[in-house]
PDB file of N, CA and C in Angstrom:
ATOM      1  N   MET A   1      -2.984  -0.493  -4.618  1.00  0.00           N
ATOM      2  CA  MET A   1      -2.527   0.344  -5.720  1.00  0.00           C
ATOM      3  C   MET A   1      -1.149   1.021  -4.724  1.00  0.00           C
ATOM      4  N   SER A   2       0.519  -0.060  -4.691  1.00  0.00           N
ATOM      5  CA  SER A   2       1.179   0.899  -4.165  1.00  0.00           C
ATOM      6  C   SER A   2       1.950   1.356  -4.900  1.00  0.00           C
ATOM      7  N   THR A   3       2.737   2.675  -4.762  1.00  0.00           N
ATOM      8  CA  THR A   3       3.231   3.375  -5.630  1.00  0.00           C
ATOM      9  C   THR A   3       4.643   4.148  -4.942  1.00  0.00           C
ATOM     10  N   SER A   4       5.987   3.767  -5.078  1.00  0.00           N
ATOM     11  CA  SER A   4       6.848   3.912  -4.894  1.00  0.00           C
ATOM     12  C   SER A   4       7.494   5.276  -5.695  1.00  0.00           C
ATOM     13  N   LYS A   5       8.168   6.220  -4.671  1.00  0.00           N
ATOM     14  CA  LYS A   5       8.378   7.374  -5.131  1.00  0.00           C
ATOM     15  C   LYS A   5      10.025   6.661  -6.868  1.00  0.00           C
ATOM     16  N   ILE A   6      10.936   5.868  -5.921  1.00  0.00           N
ATOM     17  CA  ILE A   6      12.022   5.600  -6.985  1.00  0.00           C
ATOM     18  C   ILE A   6      11.522   4.586  -7.397  1.00  0.00           C
ATOM     19  N   LYS A   7      11.682   4.368  -8.509  1.00  0.00           N
ATOM     20  CA  LYS A   7      11.094   2.901  -9.197  1.00  0.00           C
ATOM     21  C   LYS A   7      12.302   2.714 -10.277  1.00  0.00           C
ATOM     22  N   LYS A   8      12.422   1.256 -10.873  1.00  0.00           N
ATOM     23  CA  LYS A   8      13.561   0.701 -11.507  1.00  0.00           C
ATOM     24  C   LYS A   8      13.613   1.003 -12.802  1.00  0.00           C
ATOM     25  N   GLY A   9      14.647   1.511 -13.197  1.00  0.00           N
ATOM     26  CA  GLY A   9      14.663   2.195 -14.636  1.00  0.00           C
ATOM     27  C   GLY A   9      14.585   3.766 -14.812  1.00  0.00           C
ATOM     28  N   ASP A  10      14.499   4.712 -13.212  1.00  0.00           N
ATOM     29  CA  ASP A  10      14.627   5.704 -13.336  1.00  0.00           C
ATOM     30  C   ASP A  10      16.033   6.201 -13.209  1.00  0.00           C
ATOM     31  N   MET A  11      16.386   7.594 -13.455  1.00  0.00           N
ATOM     32  CA  MET A  11      17.517   8.205 -13.479  1.00  0.00           C
ATOM     33  C   MET A  11      17.689   9.054 -12.452  1.00  0.00           C
ATOM     34  N   VAL A  12      19.143   8.744 -11.673  1.00  0.00           N
ATOM     35  CA  VAL A  12      19.188   9.287 -10.036  1.00  0.00           C
ATOM     36  C   VAL A  12      20.252  10.038 -10.035  1.00  0.00           C
ATOM     37  N   LYS A  13      20.411  10.379  -8.804  1.00  0.00           N
ATOM     38  CA  LYS A  13      21.545  10.984  -8.637  1.00  0.00           C
ATOM     39  C   LYS A  13      21.915  10.885  -6.844  1.00  0.00           C
ATOM     40  N   VAL A  14      23.108  10.897  -6.839  1.00  0.00           N
ATOM     41  CA  VAL A  14      23.255  10.175  -5.397  1.00  0.00           C
ATOM     42  C   VAL A  14      24.193  11.481  -4.890  1.00  0.00           C
ATOM     43  N   ILE A  15      23.062  11.771  -3.371  1.00  0.00           N
ATOM     44  CA  ILE A  15      23.013  13.137  -3.155  1.00  0.00           C
ATOM     45  C   ILE A  15      24.141  12.897  -1.542  1.00  0.00           C
ATOM     46  N   ALA A  16      24.348  11.882  -1.154  1.00  0.00           N
ATOM     47  CA  ALA A  16      25.048  11.862   0.274  1.00  0.00           C
ATOM     48  C   ALA A  16      26.165  10.580   0.275  1.00  0.00           C
ATOM     49  N   GLY A  17      27.186  10.392   0.571  1.00  0.00           N
ATOM     50  CA  GLY A  17      28.243   9.482   0.948  1.00  0.00           C
ATOM     51  C   GLY A  17      29.296   9.534  -0.018  1.00  0.00           C
ATOM     52  N   GLY A  18      29.812   8.285  -0.035  1.00  0.00           N
ATOM     53  CA  GLY A  18      31.241   8.569  -0.557  1.00  0.00           C
ATOM     54  C   GLY A  18      31.110   8.248  -2.532  1.00  0.00           C
ATOM     55  N   GLU A  19      29.779   8.461  -3.061  1.00  0.00           N
ATOM     56  CA  GLU A  19      29.534   8.565  -4.412  1.00  0.00           C
ATOM     57  C   GLU A  19      28.807   9.428  -4.612  1.00  0.00           C
ATOM     58  N   ILE A  20      28.615  10.611  -4.011  1.00  0.00           N
ATOM     59  CA  ILE A  20      28.363  11.990  -4.205  1.00  0.00           C
ATOM     60  C   ILE A  20      28.307  12.617  -5.209  1.00  0.00           C
ATOM     61  N   ASP A  21      27.313  13.352  -6.195  1.00  0.00           N
ATOM     62  CA  ASP A  21      27.096  13.728  -7.400  1.00  0.00           C
ATOM     63  C   ASP A  21      27.147  12.711  -8.714  1.00  0.00           C
ATOM     64  N   LYS A  22      27.797  11.155  -8.540  1.00  0.00           N
ATOM     65  CA  LYS A  22      27.269  10.437  -9.172  1.00  0.00           C
ATOM     66  C   LYS A  22      25.514  10.247  -9.959  1.00  0.00           C
ATOM     67  N   GLU A  23      25.893  10.051 -11.293  1.00  0.00           N
ATOM     68  CA  GLU A  23      24.440  10.082 -12.064  1.00  0.00           C
ATOM     69  C   GLU A  23      24.206   8.465 -12.572  1.00  0.00           C
ATOM     70  N   GLY A  24      22.710   7.717 -12.357  1.00  0.00           N
ATOM     71  CA  GLY A  24      22.561   6.459 -13.249  1.00  0.00           C
ATOM     72  C   GLY A  24      21.565   5.978 -13.312  1.00  0.00           C
ATOM     73  N   LYS A  25      21.184   4.806 -13.810  1.00  0.00           N
ATOM     74  CA  LYS A  25      19.913   4.334 -13.903  1.00  0.00           C
ATOM     75  C   LYS A  25      19.824   3.229 -12.839  1.00  0.00           C
ATOM     76  N   VAL A  26      18.700   3.331 -11.941  1.00  0.00           N
ATOM     77  CA  VAL A  26      18.294   2.279 -10.957  1.00  0.00           C
ATOM     78  C   VAL A  26      18.114   0.989 -11.819  1.00  0.00           C
ATOM     79  N   LEU A  27      18.854  -0.212 -10.976  1.00  0.00           N
ATOM     80  CA  LEU A  27      18.829  -1.570 -11.458  1.00  0.00           C
ATOM     81  C   LEU A  27      17.525  -2.204 -10.896  1.00  0.00           C
ATOM     82  N   SER A  28      17.623  -2.169  -9.533  1.00  0.00           N
ATOM     83  CA  SER A  28      16.374  -2.825  -8.932  1.00  0.00           C
ATOM     84  C   SER A  28      16.238  -1.667  -7.707  1.00  0.00           C
ATOM     85  N   VAL A  29      15.017  -2.226  -7.173  1.00  0.00           N
ATOM     86  CA  VAL A  29      14.392  -1.126  -5.645  1.00  0.00           C
ATOM     87  C   VAL A  29      14.130  -2.449  -4.801  1.00  0.00           C
ATOM     88  N   ASP A  30      15.034  -2.330  -3.441  1.00  0.00           N
ATOM     89  CA  ASP A  30      14.012  -3.173  -2.458  1.00  0.00           C
ATOM     90  C   ASP A  30      13.411  -2.186  -1.175  1.00  0.00           C
ATOM     91  N   LYS A  31      12.111  -2.398  -1.522  1.00  0.00           N
ATOM     92  CA  LYS A  31      11.479  -1.328  -0.849  1.00  0.00           C
ATOM     93  C   LYS A  31      11.511  -1.959   1.110  1.00  0.00           C
ATOM     94  N   LYS A  32      11.494  -3.338   0.930  1.00  0.00           N
ATOM     95  CA  LYS A  32      11.153  -3.516   2.390  1.00  0.00           C
ATOM     96  C   LYS A  32      12.809  -2.945   2.867  1.00  0.00           C
ATOM     97  N   ASN A  33      13.436  -3.217   2.395  1.00  0.00           N
ATOM     98  CA  ASN A  33      14.904  -2.625   3.239  1.00  0.00           C
ATOM     99  C   ASN A  33      15.029  -0.736   2.939  1.00  0.00           C
ATOM    100  N   GLY A  34      14.963  -0.802   1.857  1.00  0.00           N
ATOM    101  CA  GLY A  34      14.494   1.028   1.786  1.00  0.00           C
ATOM    102  C   GLY A  34      16.620   0.842   0.812  1.00  0.00           C
ATOM    103  N   LYS A  35      16.668  -0.007  -0.155  1.00  0.00           N
ATOM    104  CA  LYS A  35      17.672   0.442  -0.548  1.00  0.00           C
ATOM    105  C   LYS A  35      17.489   0.159  -2.237  1.00  0.00           C
ATOM    106  N   VAL A  36      18.182   0.615  -3.025  1.00  0.00           N
ATOM    107  CA  VAL A  36      18.411   0.970  -4.590  1.00  0.00           C
ATOM    108  C   VAL A  36      19.875   0.149  -4.958  1.00  0.00           C
ATOM    109  N   ILE A  37      19.909  -0.080  -6.299  1.00  0.00           N
ATOM    110  CA  ILE A  37      21.241  -0.625  -7.241  1.00  0.00           C
ATOM    111  C   ILE A  37      21.093   0.344  -8.132  1.00  0.00           C
ATOM    112  N   VAL A  38      21.955   1.132  -8.130  1.00  0.00           N
ATOM    113  CA  VAL A  38      22.247   2.060  -9.722  1.00  0.00           C
ATOM    114  C   VAL A  38      23.616   1.753 -10.454  1.00  0.00           C
ATOM    115  N   GLU A  39      23.168   1.621 -11.454  1.00  0.00           N
ATOM    116  CA  GLU A  39      24.310   1.247 -12.395  1.00  0.00           C
ATOM    117  C   GLU A  39      25.436   2.152 -12.495  1.00  0.00           C
ATOM    118  N   GLY A  40      27.016   1.496 -12.351  1.00  0.00           N
ATOM    119  CA  GLY A  40      28.046   2.192 -12.258  1.00  0.00           C
ATOM    120  C   GLY A  40      27.998   3.048 -11.230  1.00  0.00           C
ATOM    121  N   VAL A  41      27.543   2.668 -10.176  1.00  0.00           N
ATOM    122  CA  VAL A  41      27.466   3.878  -8.507  1.00  0.00           C
ATOM    123  C   VAL A  41      28.109   2.406  -7.555  1.00  0.00           C
ATOM    124  N   ASN A  42      28.854   2.880  -6.395  1.00  0.00           N
ATOM    125  CA  ASN A  42      29.154   1.729  -5.415  1.00  0.00           C
ATOM    126  C   ASN A  42      29.429   0.582  -5.801  1.00  0.00           C
ATOM    127  N   LYS A  43      30.583   0.577  -6.842  1.00  0.00           N
ATOM    128  CA  LYS A  43      30.893  -0.968  -7.323  1.00  0.00           C
ATOM    129  C   LYS A  43      32.042  -1.359  -5.780  1.00  0.00           C
ATOM    130  N   ALA A  44      31.630  -2.748  -5.615  1.00  0.00           N
ATOM    131  CA  ALA A  44      32.221  -3.545  -4.409  1.00  0.00           C
ATOM    132  C   ALA A  44      32.792  -4.913  -5.261  1.00  0.00           C
ATOM    133  N   ILE A  45      34.005  -5.152  -4.730  1.00  0.00           N
ATOM    134  CA  ILE A  45      34.592  -6.328  -5.917  1.00  0.00           C
ATOM    135  C   ILE A  45      34.031  -7.878  -5.059  1.00  0.00           C
ATOM    136  N   CYS A  46      33.994  -8.459  -4.996  1.00  0.00           N
ATOM    137  CA  CYS A  46      33.624 -10.022  -4.972  1.00  0.00           C
ATOM    138  C   CYS A  46      34.064 -11.485  -5.504  1.00  0.00           C
ATOM    139  N   HIS A  47      34.381 -11.877  -4.629  1.00  0.00           N
ATOM    140  CA  HIS A  47      34.752 -13.223  -4.635  1.00  0.00           C
ATOM    141  C   HIS A  47      34.097 -14.016  -4.980  1.00  0.00           C
ATOM    142  N   GLU A  48      34.166 -14.941  -6.195  1.00  0.00           N
ATOM    143  CA  GLU A  48      32.951 -15.818  -6.456  1.00  0.00           C
ATOM    144  C   GLU A  48      33.427 -17.248  -7.107  1.00  0.00           C
ATOM    145  N   LYS A  49      33.267 -18.317  -6.521  1.00  0.00           N
ATOM    146  CA  LYS A  49      33.457 -19.948  -6.798  1.00  0.00           C
ATOM    147  C   LYS A  49      33.125 -20.184  -7.873  1.00  0.00           C
ATOM    148  N   PRO A  50      33.660 -21.164  -8.506  1.00  0.00           N
ATOM    149  CA  PRO A  50      33.879 -21.519 -10.042  1.00  0.00           C
ATOM    150  C   PRO A  50      32.051 -21.924 -10.370  1.00  0.00           C
ATOM    151  N   SER A  51      31.521 -21.277 -11.082  1.00  0.00           N
ATOM    152  CA  SER A  51      30.236 -22.238 -11.409  1.00  0.00           C
ATOM    153  C   SER A  51      29.537 -22.425 -12.839  1.00  0.00           C
ATOM    154  N   ALA A  52      28.818 -22.992 -12.729  1.00  0.00           N
ATOM    155  CA  ALA A  52      27.965 -22.945 -14.457  1.00  0.00           C
ATOM    156  C   ALA A  52      28.093 -21.764 -15.081  1.00  0.00           C
ATOM    157  N   LYS A  53      27.846 -20.715 -14.264  1.00  0.00           N
ATOM    158  CA  LYS A  53      27.441 -19.652 -15.068  1.00  0.00           C
ATOM    159  C   LYS A  53      29.067 -18.777 -15.116  1.00  0.00           C
ATOM    160  N   ASN A  54      29.816 -19.098 -14.519  1.00  0.00           N
ATOM    161  CA  ASN A  54      31.544 -18.382 -14.296  1.00  0.00           C
ATOM    162  C   ASN A  54      32.156 -19.240 -14.075  1.00  0.00           C
ATOM    163  N   PRO A  55      32.699 -20.407 -15.168  1.00  0.00           N
ATOM    164  CA  PRO A  55      32.992 -21.417 -14.839  1.00  0.00           C
ATOM    165  C   PRO A  55      34.862 -21.420 -14.111  1.00  0.00           C
ATOM    166  N   ASN A  56      35.515 -20.068 -14.261  1.00  0.00           N
ATOM    167  CA  ASN A  56      36.901 -19.769 -13.722  1.00  0.00           C
ATOM    168  C   ASN A  56      36.453 -19.192 -12.284  1.00  0.00           C
ATOM    169  N   GLY A  57      35.201 -18.716 -11.531  1.00  0.00           N
ATOM    170  CA  GLY A  57      35.288 -18.054 -11.017  1.00  0.00           C
ATOM    171  C   GLY A  57      36.250 -16.623 -10.882  1.00  0.00           C
ATOM    172  N   GLY A  58      36.579 -16.342  -9.665  1.00  0.00           N
ATOM    173  CA  GLY A  58      37.821 -15.081  -9.241  1.00  0.00           C
ATOM    174  C   GLY A  58      36.950 -14.090  -9.258  1.00  0.00           C
ATOM    175  N   ILE A  59      37.774 -12.702  -9.083  1.00  0.00           N
ATOM    176  CA  ILE A  59      37.391 -11.125  -8.523  1.00  0.00           C
ATOM    177  C   ILE A  59      36.200 -10.897  -9.419  1.00  0.00           C
ATOM    178  N   VAL A  60      35.001 -10.625  -9.216  1.00  0.00           N
ATOM    179  CA  VAL A  60      34.088  -9.891  -9.831  1.00  0.00           C
ATOM    180  C   VAL A  60      33.624  -8.600  -9.290  1.00  0.00           C
ATOM    181  N   GLU A  61      33.453  -7.115 -10.350  1.00  0.00           N
ATOM    182  CA  GLU A  61      33.106  -5.889  -9.936  1.00  0.00           C
ATOM    183  C   GLU A  61      31.600  -6.053  -9.842  1.00  0.00           C
ATOM    184  N   ARG A  62      31.232  -6.004  -9.264  1.00  0.00           N
ATOM    185  CA  ARG A  62      29.434  -5.501  -9.160  1.00  0.00           C
ATOM    186  C   ARG A  62      29.160  -4.234  -8.135  1.00  0.00           C
ATOM    187  N   GLU A  63      27.498  -3.643  -8.671  1.00  0.00           N
ATOM    188  CA  GLU A  63      27.003  -2.611  -8.018  1.00  0.00           C
ATOM    189  C   GLU A  63      26.559  -3.047  -6.339  1.00  0.00           C
ATOM    190  N   ALA A  64      26.864  -2.385  -5.803  1.00  0.00           N
ATOM    191  CA  ALA A  64      26.312  -2.973  -3.998  1.00  0.00           C
ATOM    192  C   ALA A  64      24.943  -1.929  -3.968  1.00  0.00           C
ATOM    193  N   ALA A  65      24.437  -2.327  -3.118  1.00  0.00           N
ATOM    194  CA  ALA A  65      23.010  -1.322  -2.245  1.00  0.00           C
ATOM    195  C   ALA A  65      23.528   0.122  -1.564  1.00  0.00           C
ATOM    196  N   LEU A  66      22.720   1.038  -2.471  1.00  0.00           N
ATOM    197  CA  LEU A  66      22.465   2.014  -1.529  1.00  0.00           C
ATOM    198  C   LEU A  66      21.412   2.389  -0.812  1.00  0.00           C
ATOM    199  N   ASP A  67      21.286   3.096   0.276  1.00  0.00           N
ATOM    200  CA  ASP A  67      20.191   3.471   1.049  1.00  0.00           C
ATOM    201  C   ASP A  67      19.302   4.156   0.108  1.00  0.00           C
ATOM    202  N   ILE A  68      17.942   4.667  -0.375  1.00  0.00           N
ATOM    203  CA  ILE A  68      16.694   4.947  -0.662  1.00  0.00           C
ATOM    204  C   ILE A  68      16.979   6.781  -0.462  1.00  0.00           C
ATOM    205  N   SER A  69      17.291   6.769   0.631  1.00  0.00           N
ATOM    206  CA  SER A  69      17.522   8.277   1.260  1.00  0.00           C
ATOM    207  C   SER A  69      18.287   9.040   0.712  1.00  0.00           C
ATOM    208  N   ASN A  70      19.384   8.323  -0.012  1.00  0.00           N
ATOM    209  CA  ASN A  70      20.946   8.761  -0.375  1.00  0.00           C
ATOM    210  C   ASN A  70      20.870   9.451  -1.988  1.00  0.00           C
ATOM    211  N   VAL A  71      19.477   9.225  -2.386  1.00  0.00           N
ATOM    212  CA  VAL A  71      19.638   9.279  -4.266  1.00  0.00           C
ATOM    213  C   VAL A  71      18.470  10.263  -3.993  1.00  0.00           C
ATOM    214  N   MET A  72      18.148  11.065  -5.283  1.00  0.00           N
ATOM    215  CA  MET A  72      17.387  11.637  -5.535  1.00  0.00           C
ATOM    216  C   MET A  72      17.199  11.637  -7.365  1.00  0.00           C
ATOM    217  N   TYR A  73      15.461  11.933  -7.677  1.00  0.00           N
ATOM    218  CA  TYR A  73      15.531  11.400  -9.001  1.00  0.00           C
ATOM    219  C   TYR A  73      15.738  12.934 -10.124  1.00  0.00           C
ATOM    220  N   LEU A  74      16.078  12.395 -10.960  1.00  0.00           N
ATOM    221  CA  LEU A  74      16.277  13.476 -12.192  1.00  0.00           C
ATOM    222  C   LEU A  74      15.216  13.535 -12.868  1.00  0.00           C
ATOM    223  N   HIS A  75      14.493  14.826 -13.247  1.00  0.00           N
ATOM    224  CA  HIS A  75      13.760  14.987 -13.979  1.00  0.00           C
ATOM    225  C   HIS A  75      14.344  15.850 -15.056  1.00  0.00           C
ATOM    226  N   ASN A  76      14.622  15.864 -16.385  1.00  0.00           N
ATOM    227  CA  ASN A  76      15.297  16.383 -17.323  1.00  0.00           C
ATOM    228  C   ASN A  76      16.617  16.740 -16.610  1.00  0.00           C
ATOM    229  N   GLY A  77      17.272  16.413 -16.272  1.00  0.00           N
ATOM    230  CA  GLY A  77      18.565  16.583 -15.844  1.00  0.00           C
ATOM    231  C   GLY A  77      19.065  17.342 -14.453  1.00  0.00           C
ATOM    232  N   GLN A  78      18.085  17.511 -14.021  1.00  0.00           N
ATOM    233  CA  GLN A  78      17.772  18.410 -12.705  1.00  0.00           C
ATOM    234  C   GLN A  78      17.201  17.677 -11.438  1.00  0.00           C
ATOM    235  N   PRO A  79      18.080  17.582 -10.393  1.00  0.00           N
ATOM    236  CA  PRO A  79      17.423  16.741  -9.337  1.00  0.00           C
ATOM    237  C   PRO A  79      15.899  17.699  -8.886  1.00  0.00           C
ATOM    238  N   THR A  80      15.363  16.119  -8.582  1.00  0.00           N
ATOM    239  CA  THR A  80      13.751  16.910  -7.930  1.00  0.00           C
ATOM    240  C   THR A  80      13.394  16.524  -6.736  1.00  0.00           C
ATOM    241  N   LYS A  81      12.124  16.479  -6.425  1.00  0.00           N
ATOM    242  CA  LYS A  81      11.266  15.998  -5.377  1.00  0.00           C
ATOM    243  C   LYS A  81      10.190  15.182  -5.755  1.00  0.00           C
ATOM    244  N   ILE A  82       9.949  14.029  -5.468  1.00  0.00           N
ATOM    245  CA  ILE A  82       8.783  13.644  -5.987  1.00  0.00           C
ATOM    246  C   ILE A  82       7.500  13.867  -5.276  1.00  0.00           C
ATOM    247  N   GLY A  83       6.331  13.622  -5.689  1.00  0.00           N
ATOM    248  CA  GLY A  83       4.771  13.886  -5.258  1.00  0.00           C
ATOM    249  C   GLY A  83       3.874  13.607  -5.697  1.00  0.00           C
ATOM    250  N   PHE A  84       2.881  12.977  -5.533  1.00  0.00           N
ATOM    251  CA  PHE A  84       1.543  12.400  -6.034  1.00  0.00           C
ATOM    252  C   PHE A  84       0.120  13.273  -6.119  1.00  0.00           C
ATOM    253  N   LYS A  85      -0.137  12.894  -7.272  1.00  0.00           N
ATOM    254  CA  LYS A  85      -1.550  13.582  -7.588  1.00  0.00           C
ATOM    255  C   LYS A  85      -2.176  12.227  -7.909  1.00  0.00           C
ATOM    256  N   VAL A  86      -3.252  12.612  -7.034  1.00  0.00           N
ATOM    257  CA  VAL A  86      -4.493  11.302  -6.655  1.00  0.00           C
ATOM    258  C   VAL A  86      -5.382  11.897  -7.233  1.00  0.00           C
ATOM    259  N   GLU A  87      -6.268  11.248  -8.257  1.00  0.00           N
ATOM    260  CA  GLU A  87      -7.230  11.314  -9.348  1.00  0.00           C
ATOM    261  C   GLU A  87      -8.148  10.123  -8.595  1.00  0.00           C
ATOM    262  N   LYS A  88      -9.533  10.711  -8.077  1.00  0.00           N
ATOM    263  CA  LYS A  88     -11.038   9.919  -7.612  1.00  0.00           C
ATOM    264  C   LYS A  88     -12.036  10.156  -8.207  1.00  0.00           C
ATOM    265  N   ASP A  89     -12.537   9.386  -8.208  1.00  0.00           N
ATOM    266  CA  ASP A  89     -14.205   8.952  -9.065  1.00  0.00           C
ATOM    267  C   ASP A  89     -14.853   9.653  -8.154  1.00  0.00           C
ATOM    268  N   GLU A  90     -16.193   9.580  -8.494  1.00  0.00           N
ATOM    269  CA  GLU A  90     -17.446   9.876  -8.005  1.00  0.00           C
ATOM    270  C   GLU A  90     -17.761   9.997  -6.221  1.00  0.00           C
ATOM    271  N   ASN A  91     -17.188   8.753  -6.031  1.00  0.00           N
ATOM    272  CA  ASN A  91     -17.376   7.984  -5.269  1.00  0.00           C
ATOM    273  C   ASN A  91     -16.110   8.749  -4.048  1.00  0.00           C
ATOM    274  N   GLY A  92     -15.508   8.536  -4.470  1.00  0.00           N
ATOM    275  CA  GLY A  92     -14.251   9.122  -3.326  1.00  0.00           C
ATOM    276  C   GLY A  92     -13.333   7.639  -3.369  1.00  0.00           C
ATOM    277  N   LYS A  93     -13.209   6.733  -4.285  1.00  0.00           N
ATOM    278  CA  LYS A  93     -12.534   5.751  -4.369  1.00  0.00           C
ATOM    279  C   LYS A  93     -10.986   6.183  -5.654  1.00  0.00           C
ATOM    280  N   VAL A  94      -9.818   5.953  -4.892  1.00  0.00           N
ATOM    281  CA  VAL A  94      -8.844   6.193  -5.870  1.00  0.00           C
ATOM    282  C   VAL A  94      -8.666   5.757  -7.186  1.00  0.00           C
ATOM    283  N   VAL A  95      -8.344   6.276  -8.034  1.00  0.00           N
ATOM    284  CA  VAL A  95      -8.387   5.811  -9.882  1.00  0.00           C
ATOM    285  C   VAL A  95      -7.196   5.832 -10.310  1.00  0.00           C
ATOM    286  N   LYS A  96      -6.776   6.890  -9.978  1.00  0.00           N
ATOM    287  CA  LYS A  96      -5.132   6.776 -10.621  1.00  0.00           C
ATOM    288  C   LYS A  96      -4.388   7.581  -9.772  1.00  0.00           C
ATOM    289  N   LYS A  97      -3.304   6.916  -9.201  1.00  0.00           N
ATOM    290  CA  LYS A  97      -1.891   7.923  -8.627  1.00  0.00           C
ATOM    291  C   LYS A  97      -1.296   8.010  -9.727  1.00  0.00           C
ATOM    292  N   SER A  98      -0.763   9.464  -9.785  1.00  0.00           N
ATOM    293  CA  SER A  98       0.801   9.619 -10.733  1.00  0.00           C
ATOM    294  C   SER A  98       1.621  10.225  -9.802  1.00  0.00           C
ATOM    295  N   ARG A  99       3.062  10.154 -10.338  1.00  0.00           N
ATOM    296  CA  ARG A  99       4.406  10.617  -9.651  1.00  0.00           C
ATOM    297  C   ARG A  99       4.274  12.158 -10.690  1.00  0.00           C
ATOM    298  N   ILE A 100       4.854  12.995  -9.878  1.00  0.00           N
ATOM    299  CA  ILE A 100       4.986  14.298 -10.100  1.00  0.00           C
ATOM    300  C   ILE A 100       6.244  14.711  -9.389  1.00  0.00           C
ATOM    301  N   ALA A 101       6.696  15.973 -10.720  1.00  0.00           N
ATOM    302  CA  ALA A 101       7.973  16.464  -9.668  1.00  0.00           C
ATOM    303  C   ALA A 101       7.634  17.591  -9.426  1.00  0.00           C
ATOM    304  N   LYS A 102       8.309  17.886  -7.892  1.00  0.00           N
ATOM    305  CA  LYS A 102       7.579  19.219  -7.467  1.00  0.00           C
ATOM    306  C   LYS A 102       8.346  20.413  -7.879  1.00  0.00           C
ATOM    307  N   LYS A 103       9.855  20.128  -8.325  1.00  0.00           N
ATOM    308  CA  LYS A 103      10.201  21.832  -8.945  1.00  0.00           C
ATOM    309  C   LYS A 103       9.512  21.748 -10.366  1.00  0.00           C
ATOM    310  N   THR A 104       8.946  21.365 -10.816  1.00  0.00           N
ATOM    311  CA  THR A 104       8.440  21.560 -11.886  1.00  0.00           C
ATOM    312  C   THR A 104       6.857  21.520 -11.861  1.00  0.00           C
ATOM    313  N   GLY A 105       6.198  20.580 -12.019  1.00  0.00           N
ATOM    314  CA  GLY A 105       4.505  20.394 -11.541  1.00  0.00           C
ATOM    315  C   GLY A 105       4.496  19.346 -12.531  1.00  0.00           C
ATOM    316  N   GLU A 106       5.383  19.076 -13.304  1.00  0.00           N
ATOM    317  CA  GLU A 106       5.381  18.105 -14.584  1.00  0.00           C
ATOM    318  C   GLU A 106       5.024  16.489 -13.819  1.00  0.00           C
ATOM    319  N   VAL A 107       3.759  15.923 -14.861  1.00  0.00           N
ATOM    320  CA  VAL A 107       3.550  14.455 -14.466  1.00  0.00           C
ATOM    321  C   VAL A 107       4.706  13.601 -15.107  1.00  0.00           C
ATOM    322  N   ILE A 108       5.124  12.907 -14.357  1.00  0.00           N
ATOM    323  CA  ILE A 108       6.384  11.855 -14.626  1.00  0.00           C
ATOM    324  C   ILE A 108       6.009  10.823 -15.000  1.00  0.00           C
ATOM    325  N   ASP A 109       4.916   9.809 -14.514  1.00  0.00           N
ATOM    326  CA  ASP A 109       4.389   8.882 -15.125  1.00  0.00           C
ATOM    327  C   ASP A 109       3.407   8.426 -14.406  1.00  0.00           C
TER     328      ASP A 109
END
């Protein structure tokens, strides 16, 4: 059971870099490289060749990856750290792992 602190679909706030204090929804998470792509944040201009998807090609703006350490989870509009609550059975085997907001102690999922 692998659980990451930031997941696709979470609302996050940028806490470092040029896009500081911007908020958005996580579009994708790259656990291997420690990167996230956040909707509407860290826009980059890309030049595309004509293709079946984009027959004219041209200049396209899209979101670039941010380091996962530069974003913080938003719980009820407030940035908070994320912890884990582990439930075990009588044999000591992990049954359920839940994410919790450290600021309030509420279960996220």
